[in-house]
All heavy atoms as atom14 arrays in JSON, in Angstrom:
{
  "sequence": "GPVDLVRHSGLVGRTSILFIAPGERFDLGWGPDSSLRVHRKVELL",
  "atom14_mask": [
    [1, 1, 1, 1, 0, 0, 0, 0, 0, 0, 0, 0, 0, 0],
    [1, 1, 1, 1, 1, 1, 1, 0, 0, 0, 0, 0, 0, 0],
    [1, 1, 1, 1, 1, 1, 1, 0, 0, 0, 0, 0, 0, 0],
    [1, 1, 1, 1, 1, 1, 1, 1, 0, 0, 0, 0, 0, 0],
    [1, 1, 1, 1, 1, 1, 1, 1, 0, 0, 0, 0, 0, 0],
    [1, 1, 1, 1, 1, 1, 1, 0, 0, 0, 0, 0, 0, 0],
    [1, 1, 1, 1, 1, 1, 1, 1, 1, 1, 1, 0, 0, 0],
    [1, 1, 1, 1, 1, 1, 1, 1, 1, 1, 0, 0, 0, 0],
    [1, 1, 1, 1, 1, 1, 0, 0, 0, 0, 0, 0, 0, 0],
    [1, 1, 1, 1, 0, 0, 0, 0, 0, 0, 0, 0, 0, 0],
    [1, 1, 1, 1, 1, 1, 1, 1, 0, 0, 0, 0, 0, 0],
    [1, 1, 1, 1, 1, 1, 1, 0, 0, 0, 0, 0, 0, 0],
    [1, 1, 1, 1, 0, 0, 0, 0, 0, 0, 0, 0, 0, 0],
    [1, 1, 1, 1, 1, 1, 1, 1, 1, 1, 1, 0, 0, 0],
    [1, 1, 1, 1, 1, 1, 1, 0, 0, 0, 0, 0, 0, 0],
    [1, 1, 1, 1, 1, 1, 0, 0, 0, 0, 0, 0, 0, 0],
    [1, 1, 1, 1, 1, 1, 1, 1, 0, 0, 0, 0, 0, 0],
    [1, 1, 1, 1, 1, 1, 1, 1, 0, 0, 0, 0, 0, 0],
    [1, 1, 1, 1, 1, 1, 1, 1, 1, 1, 1, 0, 0, 0],
    [1, 1, 1, 1, 1, 1, 1, 1, 0, 0, 0, 0, 0, 0],
    [1, 1, 1, 1, 1, 0, 0, 0, 0, 0, 0, 0, 0, 0],
    [1, 1, 1, 1, 1, 1, 1, 0, 0, 0, 0, 0, 0, 0],
    [1, 1, 1, 1, 0, 0, 0, 0, 0, 0, 0, 0, 0, 0],
    [1, 1, 1, 1, 1, 1, 1, 1, 1, 0, 0, 0, 0, 0],
    [1, 1, 1, 1, 1, 1, 1, 1, 1, 1, 1, 0, 0, 0],
    [1, 1, 1, 1, 1, 1, 1, 1, 1, 1, 1, 0, 0, 0],
    [1, 1, 1, 1, 1, 1, 1, 1, 0, 0, 0, 0, 0, 0],
    [1, 1, 1, 1, 1, 1, 1, 1, 0, 0, 0, 0, 0, 0],
    [1, 1, 1, 1, 0, 0, 0, 0, 0, 0, 0, 0, 0, 0],
    [1, 1, 1, 1, 1, 1, 1, 1, 1, 1, 1, 1, 1, 1],
    [1, 1, 1, 1, 0, 0, 0, 0, 0, 0, 0, 0, 0, 0],
    [1, 1, 1, 1, 1, 1, 1, 0, 0, 0, 0, 0, 0, 0],
    [1, 1, 1, 1, 1, 1, 1, 1, 0, 0, 0, 0, 0, 0],
    [1, 1, 1, 1, 1, 1, 0, 0, 0, 0, 0, 0, 0, 0],
    [1, 1, 1, 1, 1, 1, 0, 0, 0, 0, 0, 0, 0, 0],
    [1, 1, 1, 1, 1, 1, 1, 1, 0, 0, 0, 0, 0, 0],
    [1, 1, 1, 1, 1, 1, 1, 1, 1, 1, 1, 0, 0, 0],
    [1, 1, 1, 1, 1, 1, 1, 0, 0, 0, 0, 0, 0, 0],
    [1, 1, 1, 1, 1, 1, 1, 1, 1, 1, 0, 0, 0, 0],
    [1, 1, 1, 1, 1, 1, 1, 1, 1, 1, 1, 0, 0, 0],
    [1, 1, 1, 1, 1, 1, 1, 1, 1, 0, 0, 0, 0, 0],
    [1, 1, 1, 1, 1, 1, 1, 0, 0, 0, 0, 0, 0, 0],
    [1, 1, 1, 1, 1, 1, 1, 1, 1, 0, 0, 0, 0, 0],
    [1, 1, 1, 1, 1, 1, 1, 1, 0, 0, 0, 0, 0, 0],
    [1, 1, 1, 1, 1, 1, 1, 1, 0, 0, 0, 0, 0, 0]
  ],
  "atom14_positions": [
    [[-6.5, 17.5, -0.55], [-5.4, 18.32, -0.84], [-4.05, 17.79, -0.41], [-4.0, 16.62, 0.1], [0.0, 0.0, 0.0], [0.0, 0.0, 0.0], [0.0, 0.0, 0.0], [0.0, 0.0, 0.0], [0.0, 0.0, 0.0], [0.0, 0.0, 0.0], [0.0, 0.0, 0.0], [0.0, 0.0, 0.0], [0.0, 0.0, 0.0], [0.0, 0.0, 0.0]],
    [[-2.96, 18.44, -0.64], [-1.57, 17.9, -0.35], [-1.34, 17.9, 1.27], [-2.04, 18.7, 1.99], [-0.71, 18.84, -0.98], [-1.53, 20.17, -1.08], [-2.99, 19.77, -1.25], [0.0, 0.0, 0.0], [0.0, 0.0, 0.0], [0.0, 0.0, 0.0], [0.0, 0.0, 0.0], [0.0, 0.0, 0.0], [0.0, 0.0, 0.0], [0.0, 0.0, 0.0]],
    [[-0.43, 17.07, 1.55], [-0.1, 16.96, 2.96], [1.39, 16.89, 3.1], [2.17, 16.15, 2.33], [-0.64, 15.63, 3.62], [0.01, 15.45, 4.99], [-2.09, 15.7, 3.6], [0.0, 0.0, 0.0], [0.0, 0.0, 0.0], [0.0, 0.0, 0.0], [0.0, 0.0, 0.0], [0.0, 0.0, 0.0], [0.0, 0.0, 0.0], [0.0, 0.0, 0.0]],
    [[2.13, 17.8, 3.85], [3.51, 17.68, 4.21], [3.77, 16.68, 5.42], [3.01, 16.75, 6.32], [3.99, 19.11, 4.62], [3.98, 20.08, 3.52], [3.9, 19.59, 2.3], [4.18, 21.32, 3.81], [0.0, 0.0, 0.0], [0.0, 0.0, 0.0], [0.0, 0.0, 0.0], [0.0, 0.0, 0.0], [0.0, 0.0, 0.0], [0.0, 0.0, 0.0]],
    [[4.71, 15.84, 5.14], [5.04, 14.85, 6.12], [6.29, 15.32, 6.83], [7.35, 15.37, 6.27], [5.32, 13.4, 5.51], [4.11, 12.9, 4.53], [4.48, 11.72, 3.8], [2.9, 12.46, 5.5], [0.0, 0.0, 0.0], [0.0, 0.0, 0.0], [0.0, 0.0, 0.0], [0.0, 0.0, 0.0], [0.0, 0.0, 0.0], [0.0, 0.0, 0.0]],
    [[6.15, 15.43, 8.25], [7.27, 15.99, 8.98], [7.54, 14.99, 10.25], [6.61, 14.6, 10.86], [6.87, 17.36, 9.59], [7.96, 17.83, 10.41], [6.58, 18.28, 8.41], [0.0, 0.0, 0.0], [0.0, 0.0, 0.0], [0.0, 0.0, 0.0], [0.0, 0.0, 0.0], [0.0, 0.0, 0.0], [0.0, 0.0, 0.0], [0.0, 0.0, 0.0]],
    [[8.76, 14.57, 10.29], [9.11, 13.69, 11.41], [10.25, 14.31, 12.23], [10.43, 15.67, 12.01], [9.62, 12.32, 10.98], [8.67, 11.62, 10.12], [9.05, 10.23, 9.71], [9.15, 9.38, 10.76], [9.61, 8.12, 10.67], [10.01, 7.6, 9.56], [9.64, 7.36, 11.81], [0.0, 0.0, 0.0], [0.0, 0.0, 0.0], [0.0, 0.0, 0.0]],
    [[10.97, 13.69, 13.14], [11.94, 14.28, 13.99], [12.98, 15.04, 13.15], [13.55, 16.02, 13.61], [12.53, 13.24, 14.88], [11.52, 12.67, 15.85], [10.78, 13.5, 16.77], [11.05, 11.43, 15.97], [9.93, 12.58, 17.5], [10.13, 11.29, 17.0], [0.0, 0.0, 0.0], [0.0, 0.0, 0.0], [0.0, 0.0, 0.0], [0.0, 0.0, 0.0]],
    [[13.31, 14.38, 12.0], [14.37, 15.02, 11.16], [13.89, 16.14, 10.31], [14.7, 16.74, 9.57], [15.08, 13.87, 10.22], [13.93, 13.34, 9.41], [0.0, 0.0, 0.0], [0.0, 0.0, 0.0], [0.0, 0.0, 0.0], [0.0, 0.0, 0.0], [0.0, 0.0, 0.0], [0.0, 0.0, 0.0], [0.0, 0.0, 0.0], [0.0, 0.0, 0.0]],
    [[12.68, 16.5, 10.38], [12.09, 17.54, 9.54], [11.2, 17.03, 8.43], [10.61, 15.97, 8.53], [0.0, 0.0, 0.0], [0.0, 0.0, 0.0], [0.0, 0.0, 0.0], [0.0, 0.0, 0.0], [0.0, 0.0, 0.0], [0.0, 0.0, 0.0], [0.0, 0.0, 0.0], [0.0, 0.0, 0.0], [0.0, 0.0, 0.0], [0.0, 0.0, 0.0]],
    [[11.06, 17.73, 7.38], [10.28, 17.39, 6.17], [10.85, 16.19, 5.51], [11.97, 16.13, 5.1], [10.19, 18.53, 5.19], [9.26, 18.21, 4.09], [7.85, 18.18, 4.42], [9.46, 19.38, 2.94], [0.0, 0.0, 0.0], [0.0, 0.0, 0.0], [0.0, 0.0, 0.0], [0.0, 0.0, 0.0], [0.0, 0.0, 0.0], [0.0, 0.0, 0.0]],
    [[10.09, 15.0, 5.37], [10.46, 13.74, 4.84], [9.84, 13.44, 3.58], [10.23, 12.51, 2.86], [10.35, 12.67, 5.76], [11.24, 12.88, 7.14], [8.8, 12.51, 6.2], [0.0, 0.0, 0.0], [0.0, 0.0, 0.0], [0.0, 0.0, 0.0], [0.0, 0.0, 0.0], [0.0, 0.0, 0.0], [0.0, 0.0, 0.0], [0.0, 0.0, 0.0]],
    [[8.79, 14.24, 3.08], [8.1, 13.93, 1.92], [6.74, 14.64, 1.9], [6.33, 15.47, 2.79], [0.0, 0.0, 0.0], [0.0, 0.0, 0.0], [0.0, 0.0, 0.0], [0.0, 0.0, 0.0], [0.0, 0.0, 0.0], [0.0, 0.0, 0.0], [0.0, 0.0, 0.0], [0.0, 0.0, 0.0], [0.0, 0.0, 0.0], [0.0, 0.0, 0.0]],
    [[5.98, 14.33, 0.76], [4.61, 14.85, 0.65], [3.74, 13.77, 0.16], [4.18, 12.91, -0.59], [4.66, 16.04, -0.3], [5.29, 17.32, 0.29], [5.24, 18.49, -0.73], [5.64, 19.76, -0.14], [6.94, 20.07, -0.13], [7.83, 19.34, -0.63], [7.35, 21.13, 0.45], [0.0, 0.0, 0.0], [0.0, 0.0, 0.0], [0.0, 0.0, 0.0]],
    [[2.38, 13.85, 0.55], [1.46, 12.96, 0.01], [0.2, 13.73, -0.12], [0.18, 15.05, -0.17], [1.24, 11.81, 1.04], [0.32, 10.87, 0.4], [0.73, 12.24, 2.37], [0.0, 0.0, 0.0], [0.0, 0.0, 0.0], [0.0, 0.0, 0.0], [0.0, 0.0, 0.0], [0.0, 0.0, 0.0], [0.0, 0.0, 0.0], [0.0, 0.0, 0.0]],
    [[-1.02, 13.11, -0.19], [-2.24, 13.79, -0.38], [-3.33, 13.04, 0.25], [-3.26, 11.82, 0.52], [-2.62, 14.05, -1.82], [-2.71, 12.89, -2.51], [0.0, 0.0, 0.0], [0.0, 0.0, 0.0], [0.0, 0.0, 0.0], [0.0, 0.0, 0.0], [0.0, 0.0, 0.0], [0.0, 0.0, 0.0], [0.0, 0.0, 0.0], [0.0, 0.0, 0.0]],
    [[-4.53, 13.77, 0.63], [-5.64, 13.02, 1.24], [-6.91, 13.35, 0.48], [-6.95, 14.38, -0.25], [-5.82, 13.39, 2.79], [-5.93, 14.92, 2.88], [-4.61, 12.85, 3.58], [-6.26, 15.32, 4.24], [0.0, 0.0, 0.0], [0.0, 0.0, 0.0], [0.0, 0.0, 0.0], [0.0, 0.0, 0.0], [0.0, 0.0, 0.0], [0.0, 0.0, 0.0]],
    [[-7.99, 12.59, 0.66], [-9.16, 13.05, 0.22], [-9.95, 13.6, 1.36], [-9.44, 13.96, 2.53], [-9.99, 11.83, -0.3], [-9.22, 11.15, -1.56], [-10.11, 9.84, -1.88], [-9.31, 12.02, -2.69], [0.0, 0.0, 0.0], [0.0, 0.0, 0.0], [0.0, 0.0, 0.0], [0.0, 0.0, 0.0], [0.0, 0.0, 0.0], [0.0, 0.0, 0.0]],
    [[-11.25, 13.92, 1.13], [-12.03, 14.69, 2.31], [-12.02, 13.61, 3.45], [-12.53, 12.45, 3.32], [-13.35, 14.86, 1.61], [-14.4, 15.65, 2.73], [-14.46, 16.94, 2.76], [-15.16, 14.8, 3.47], [-15.37, 17.55, 3.72], [-15.99, 15.48, 4.51], [-16.14, 16.76, 4.52], [0.0, 0.0, 0.0], [0.0, 0.0, 0.0], [0.0, 0.0, 0.0]],
    [[-11.61, 14.12, 4.62], [-11.8, 13.36, 5.8], [-12.66, 14.07, 6.8], [-12.44, 15.18, 7.33], [-10.36, 13.27, 6.54], [-9.3, 12.86, 5.48], [-10.41, 12.28, 7.74], [-9.59, 11.38, 4.95], [0.0, 0.0, 0.0], [0.0, 0.0, 0.0], [0.0, 0.0, 0.0], [0.0, 0.0, 0.0], [0.0, 0.0, 0.0], [0.0, 0.0, 0.0]],
    [[-13.73, 13.34, 7.11], [-14.82, 13.96, 8.06], [-14.34, 13.93, 9.39], [-13.32, 13.15, 9.83], [-16.06, 13.15, 7.96], [0.0, 0.0, 0.0], [0.0, 0.0, 0.0], [0.0, 0.0, 0.0], [0.0, 0.0, 0.0], [0.0, 0.0, 0.0], [0.0, 0.0, 0.0], [0.0, 0.0, 0.0], [0.0, 0.0, 0.0], [0.0, 0.0, 0.0]],
    [[-14.82, 14.77, 10.48], [-14.58, 14.66, 11.77], [-14.86, 13.19, 12.41], [-15.85, 12.69, 12.05], [-15.41, 15.74, 12.37], [-15.72, 16.55, 11.34], [-15.84, 15.83, 10.14], [0.0, 0.0, 0.0], [0.0, 0.0, 0.0], [0.0, 0.0, 0.0], [0.0, 0.0, 0.0], [0.0, 0.0, 0.0], [0.0, 0.0, 0.0], [0.0, 0.0, 0.0]],
    [[-13.83, 12.78, 13.17], [-13.93, 11.41, 13.59], [-13.59, 10.19, 12.66], [-13.62, 9.1, 13.12], [0.0, 0.0, 0.0], [0.0, 0.0, 0.0], [0.0, 0.0, 0.0], [0.0, 0.0, 0.0], [0.0, 0.0, 0.0], [0.0, 0.0, 0.0], [0.0, 0.0, 0.0], [0.0, 0.0, 0.0], [0.0, 0.0, 0.0], [0.0, 0.0, 0.0]],
    [[-13.26, 10.57, 11.43], [-12.96, 9.53, 10.51], [-11.51, 9.02, 10.6], [-10.62, 10.0, 10.83], [-13.25, 10.01, 9.13], [-13.0, 9.01, 7.94], [-13.32, 9.56, 6.59], [-13.86, 10.61, 6.48], [-13.12, 8.8, 5.68], [0.0, 0.0, 0.0], [0.0, 0.0, 0.0], [0.0, 0.0, 0.0], [0.0, 0.0, 0.0], [0.0, 0.0, 0.0]],
    [[-11.28, 7.78, 10.44], [-9.96, 7.23, 10.43], [-9.33, 7.37, 8.95], [-10.05, 7.14, 7.98], [-9.94, 5.76, 10.86], [-8.58, 5.12, 11.05], [-8.77, 3.8, 11.54], [-9.41, 2.84, 10.68], [-9.6, 1.55, 11.0], [-9.14, 1.08, 12.1], [-10.28, 0.82, 10.17], [0.0, 0.0, 0.0], [0.0, 0.0, 0.0], [0.0, 0.0, 0.0]],
    [[-8.1, 7.65, 8.89], [-7.45, 7.75, 7.62], [-6.08, 7.34, 7.66], [-5.42, 7.21, 8.74], [-7.52, 9.16, 7.06], [-6.79, 10.16, 7.83], [-5.73, 10.72, 7.41], [-7.44, 10.77, 8.96], [-4.98, 11.58, 8.17], [-6.81, 11.73, 9.81], [-5.48, 12.14, 9.29], [0.0, 0.0, 0.0], [0.0, 0.0, 0.0], [0.0, 0.0, 0.0]],
    [[-5.39, 6.94, 6.48], [-4.05, 6.45, 6.47], [-3.11, 7.52, 5.81], [-3.66, 8.29, 4.92], [-3.94, 5.14, 5.63], [-4.71, 4.02, 6.27], [-5.1, 4.23, 7.46], [-4.88, 2.99, 5.68], [0.0, 0.0, 0.0], [0.0, 0.0, 0.0], [0.0, 0.0, 0.0], [0.0, 0.0, 0.0], [0.0, 0.0, 0.0], [0.0, 0.0, 0.0]],
    [[-1.84, 7.5, 6.2], [-0.84, 8.25, 5.5], [0.34, 7.41, 5.17], [0.7, 6.46, 6.04], [-0.35, 9.37, 6.36], [-1.37, 10.52, 6.59], [-0.83, 11.56, 7.65], [-1.75, 11.31, 5.37], [0.0, 0.0, 0.0], [0.0, 0.0, 0.0], [0.0, 0.0, 0.0], [0.0, 0.0, 0.0], [0.0, 0.0, 0.0], [0.0, 0.0, 0.0]],
    [[0.88, 7.51, 3.95], [2.12, 6.77, 3.62], [3.36, 7.71, 3.76], [3.32, 8.82, 3.36], [0.0, 0.0, 0.0], [0.0, 0.0, 0.0], [0.0, 0.0, 0.0], [0.0, 0.0, 0.0], [0.0, 0.0, 0.0], [0.0, 0.0, 0.0], [0.0, 0.0, 0.0], [0.0, 0.0, 0.0], [0.0, 0.0, 0.0], [0.0, 0.0, 0.0]],
    [[4.29, 7.12, 4.56], [5.61, 7.81, 4.95], [6.79, 7.5, 4.14], [7.9, 7.82, 4.47], [5.79, 7.81, 6.39], [4.7, 8.41, 7.26], [3.5, 7.91, 7.51], [4.89, 9.66, 7.93], [2.8, 8.67, 8.34], [3.52, 9.89, 8.49], [5.85, 10.65, 8.01], [3.3, 10.99, 9.21], [5.55, 11.84, 8.68], [4.2, 11.92, 9.36]],
    [[6.61, 6.75, 3.08], [7.73, 6.38, 2.17], [8.41, 5.15, 2.6], [8.04, 4.44, 3.57], [0.0, 0.0, 0.0], [0.0, 0.0, 0.0], [0.0, 0.0, 0.0], [0.0, 0.0, 0.0], [0.0, 0.0, 0.0], [0.0, 0.0, 0.0], [0.0, 0.0, 0.0], [0.0, 0.0, 0.0], [0.0, 0.0, 0.0], [0.0, 0.0, 0.0]],
    [[9.48, 4.68, 1.86], [10.19, 3.4, 2.12], [10.96, 3.45, 3.36], [11.57, 4.51, 3.69], [10.94, 3.19, 0.85], [11.09, 4.44, 0.27], [9.98, 5.36, 0.67], [0.0, 0.0, 0.0], [0.0, 0.0, 0.0], [0.0, 0.0, 0.0], [0.0, 0.0, 0.0], [0.0, 0.0, 0.0], [0.0, 0.0, 0.0], [0.0, 0.0, 0.0]],
    [[11.15, 2.43, 4.04], [12.13, 2.16, 5.03], [13.45, 1.82, 4.58], [13.61, 0.87, 3.78], [11.62, 1.05, 6.0], [12.52, 0.98, 7.27], [13.73, 0.86, 7.1], [11.96, 1.01, 8.4], [0.0, 0.0, 0.0], [0.0, 0.0, 0.0], [0.0, 0.0, 0.0], [0.0, 0.0, 0.0], [0.0, 0.0, 0.0], [0.0, 0.0, 0.0]],
    [[14.48, 2.64, 4.73], [15.79, 2.53, 4.07], [16.53, 1.25, 4.56], [17.41, 0.84, 3.8], [16.66, 3.72, 4.35], [16.79, 3.85, 5.72], [0.0, 0.0, 0.0], [0.0, 0.0, 0.0], [0.0, 0.0, 0.0], [0.0, 0.0, 0.0], [0.0, 0.0, 0.0], [0.0, 0.0, 0.0], [0.0, 0.0, 0.0], [0.0, 0.0, 0.0]],
    [[16.08, 0.63, 5.67], [16.86, -0.54, 6.18], [16.41, -1.8, 5.68], [16.93, -2.96, 5.99], [16.9, -0.45, 7.65], [15.64, -0.57, 8.13], [0.0, 0.0, 0.0], [0.0, 0.0, 0.0], [0.0, 0.0, 0.0], [0.0, 0.0, 0.0], [0.0, 0.0, 0.0], [0.0, 0.0, 0.0], [0.0, 0.0, 0.0], [0.0, 0.0, 0.0]],
    [[15.21, -1.81, 4.87], [14.6, -3.02, 4.39], [14.73, -3.09, 2.89], [14.53, -2.09, 2.19], [13.26, -3.06, 4.86], [12.9, -3.02, 6.48], [11.55, -2.96, 6.83], [13.6, -4.21, 7.06], [0.0, 0.0, 0.0], [0.0, 0.0, 0.0], [0.0, 0.0, 0.0], [0.0, 0.0, 0.0], [0.0, 0.0, 0.0], [0.0, 0.0, 0.0]],
    [[14.98, -4.3, 2.4], [15.2, -4.56, 0.97], [14.08, -5.55, 0.52], [13.86, -6.58, 1.18], [16.55, -4.98, 0.6], [17.58, -3.85, 0.86], [17.47, -2.69, -0.06], [18.61, -1.78, 0.01], [18.59, -0.63, 0.91], [17.45, -0.48, 1.58], [19.51, 0.19, 0.97], [0.0, 0.0, 0.0], [0.0, 0.0, 0.0], [0.0, 0.0, 0.0]],
    [[13.64, -5.4, -0.74], [12.54, -6.34, -1.2], [13.05, -6.7, -2.67], [13.35, -5.93, -3.48], [11.19, -5.76, -1.26], [10.2, -6.76, -1.71], [10.83, -5.34, 0.15], [0.0, 0.0, 0.0], [0.0, 0.0, 0.0], [0.0, 0.0, 0.0], [0.0, 0.0, 0.0], [0.0, 0.0, 0.0], [0.0, 0.0, 0.0], [0.0, 0.0, 0.0]],
    [[12.94, -7.97, -2.96], [13.08, -8.43, -4.33], [11.96, -9.44, -4.72], [11.74, -10.36, -3.96], [14.36, -9.16, -4.5], [14.71, -9.68, -5.92], [14.92, -8.96, -7.01], [14.74, -11.03, -6.32], [15.12, -9.63, -8.1], [14.96, -10.99, -7.72], [0.0, 0.0, 0.0], [0.0, 0.0, 0.0], [0.0, 0.0, 0.0], [0.0, 0.0, 0.0]],
    [[11.3, -9.19, -5.76], [10.14, -9.94, -6.25], [10.56, -10.58, -7.68], [11.06, -9.97, -8.52], [8.97, -9.2, -6.42], [7.71, -9.89, -6.9], [6.43, -8.95, -6.96], [5.25, -9.83, -7.23], [4.74, -9.86, -8.43], [5.31, -9.36, -9.49], [3.55, -10.51, -8.63], [0.0, 0.0, 0.0], [0.0, 0.0, 0.0], [0.0, 0.0, 0.0]],
    [[10.31, -11.92, -7.7], [10.46, -12.61, -8.85], [9.36, -13.32, -9.44], [8.87, -14.14, -8.63], [11.72, -13.58, -8.78], [12.11, -14.44, -10.04], [13.17, -15.5, -9.75], [13.46, -16.35, -10.99], [14.55, -17.25, -10.67], [0.0, 0.0, 0.0], [0.0, 0.0, 0.0], [0.0, 0.0, 0.0], [0.0, 0.0, 0.0], [0.0, 0.0, 0.0]],
    [[8.95, -13.22, -10.7], [7.79, -13.99, -11.2], [8.36, -14.99, -12.22], [9.0, -14.67, -13.19], [6.75, -13.1, -11.84], [5.63, -13.89, -12.44], [6.3, -12.02, -10.92], [0.0, 0.0, 0.0], [0.0, 0.0, 0.0], [0.0, 0.0, 0.0], [0.0, 0.0, 0.0], [0.0, 0.0, 0.0], [0.0, 0.0, 0.0], [0.0, 0.0, 0.0]],
    [[8.0, -16.25, -12.1], [8.46, -17.25, -13.02], [7.15, -18.0, -13.62], [6.22, -18.44, -13.02], [9.13, -18.39, -12.14], [9.71, -19.51, -13.03], [10.5, -20.5, -12.27], [10.59, -20.36, -11.03], [11.08, -21.49, -12.91], [0.0, 0.0, 0.0], [0.0, 0.0, 0.0], [0.0, 0.0, 0.0], [0.0, 0.0, 0.0], [0.0, 0.0, 0.0]],
    [[7.0, -17.79, -15.03], [5.96, -18.27, -15.76], [6.4, -19.64, -16.17], [7.22, -19.86, -17.02], [5.68, -17.4, -16.95], [5.3, -15.94, -16.7], [5.1, -15.23, -17.91], [4.09, -15.88, -15.82], [0.0, 0.0, 0.0], [0.0, 0.0, 0.0], [0.0, 0.0, 0.0], [0.0, 0.0, 0.0], [0.0, 0.0, 0.0], [0.0, 0.0, 0.0]],
    [[5.79, -20.62, -15.59], [6.19, -22.13, -15.8], [5.58, -22.53, -17.1], [4.65, -21.93, -17.69], [5.74, -22.93, -14.66], [6.14, -22.55, -13.29], [5.59, -23.41, -12.21], [7.66, -22.42, -13.31], [0.0, 0.0, 0.0], [0.0, 0.0, 0.0], [0.0, 0.0, 0.0], [0.0, 0.0, 0.0], [0.0, 0.0, 0.0], [0.0, 0.0, 0.0]]
  ]
}
């Protein structure tokens, strides 16, 4: 189901998870870092 993402500044976004068993490791995505920029270029030779 859905997951609310809360940090020191409060609610920062929402994501979702699948079934997570007791003791199971799982990942959460917290959105982009505002101080980092990325540019990707593909050149077909």
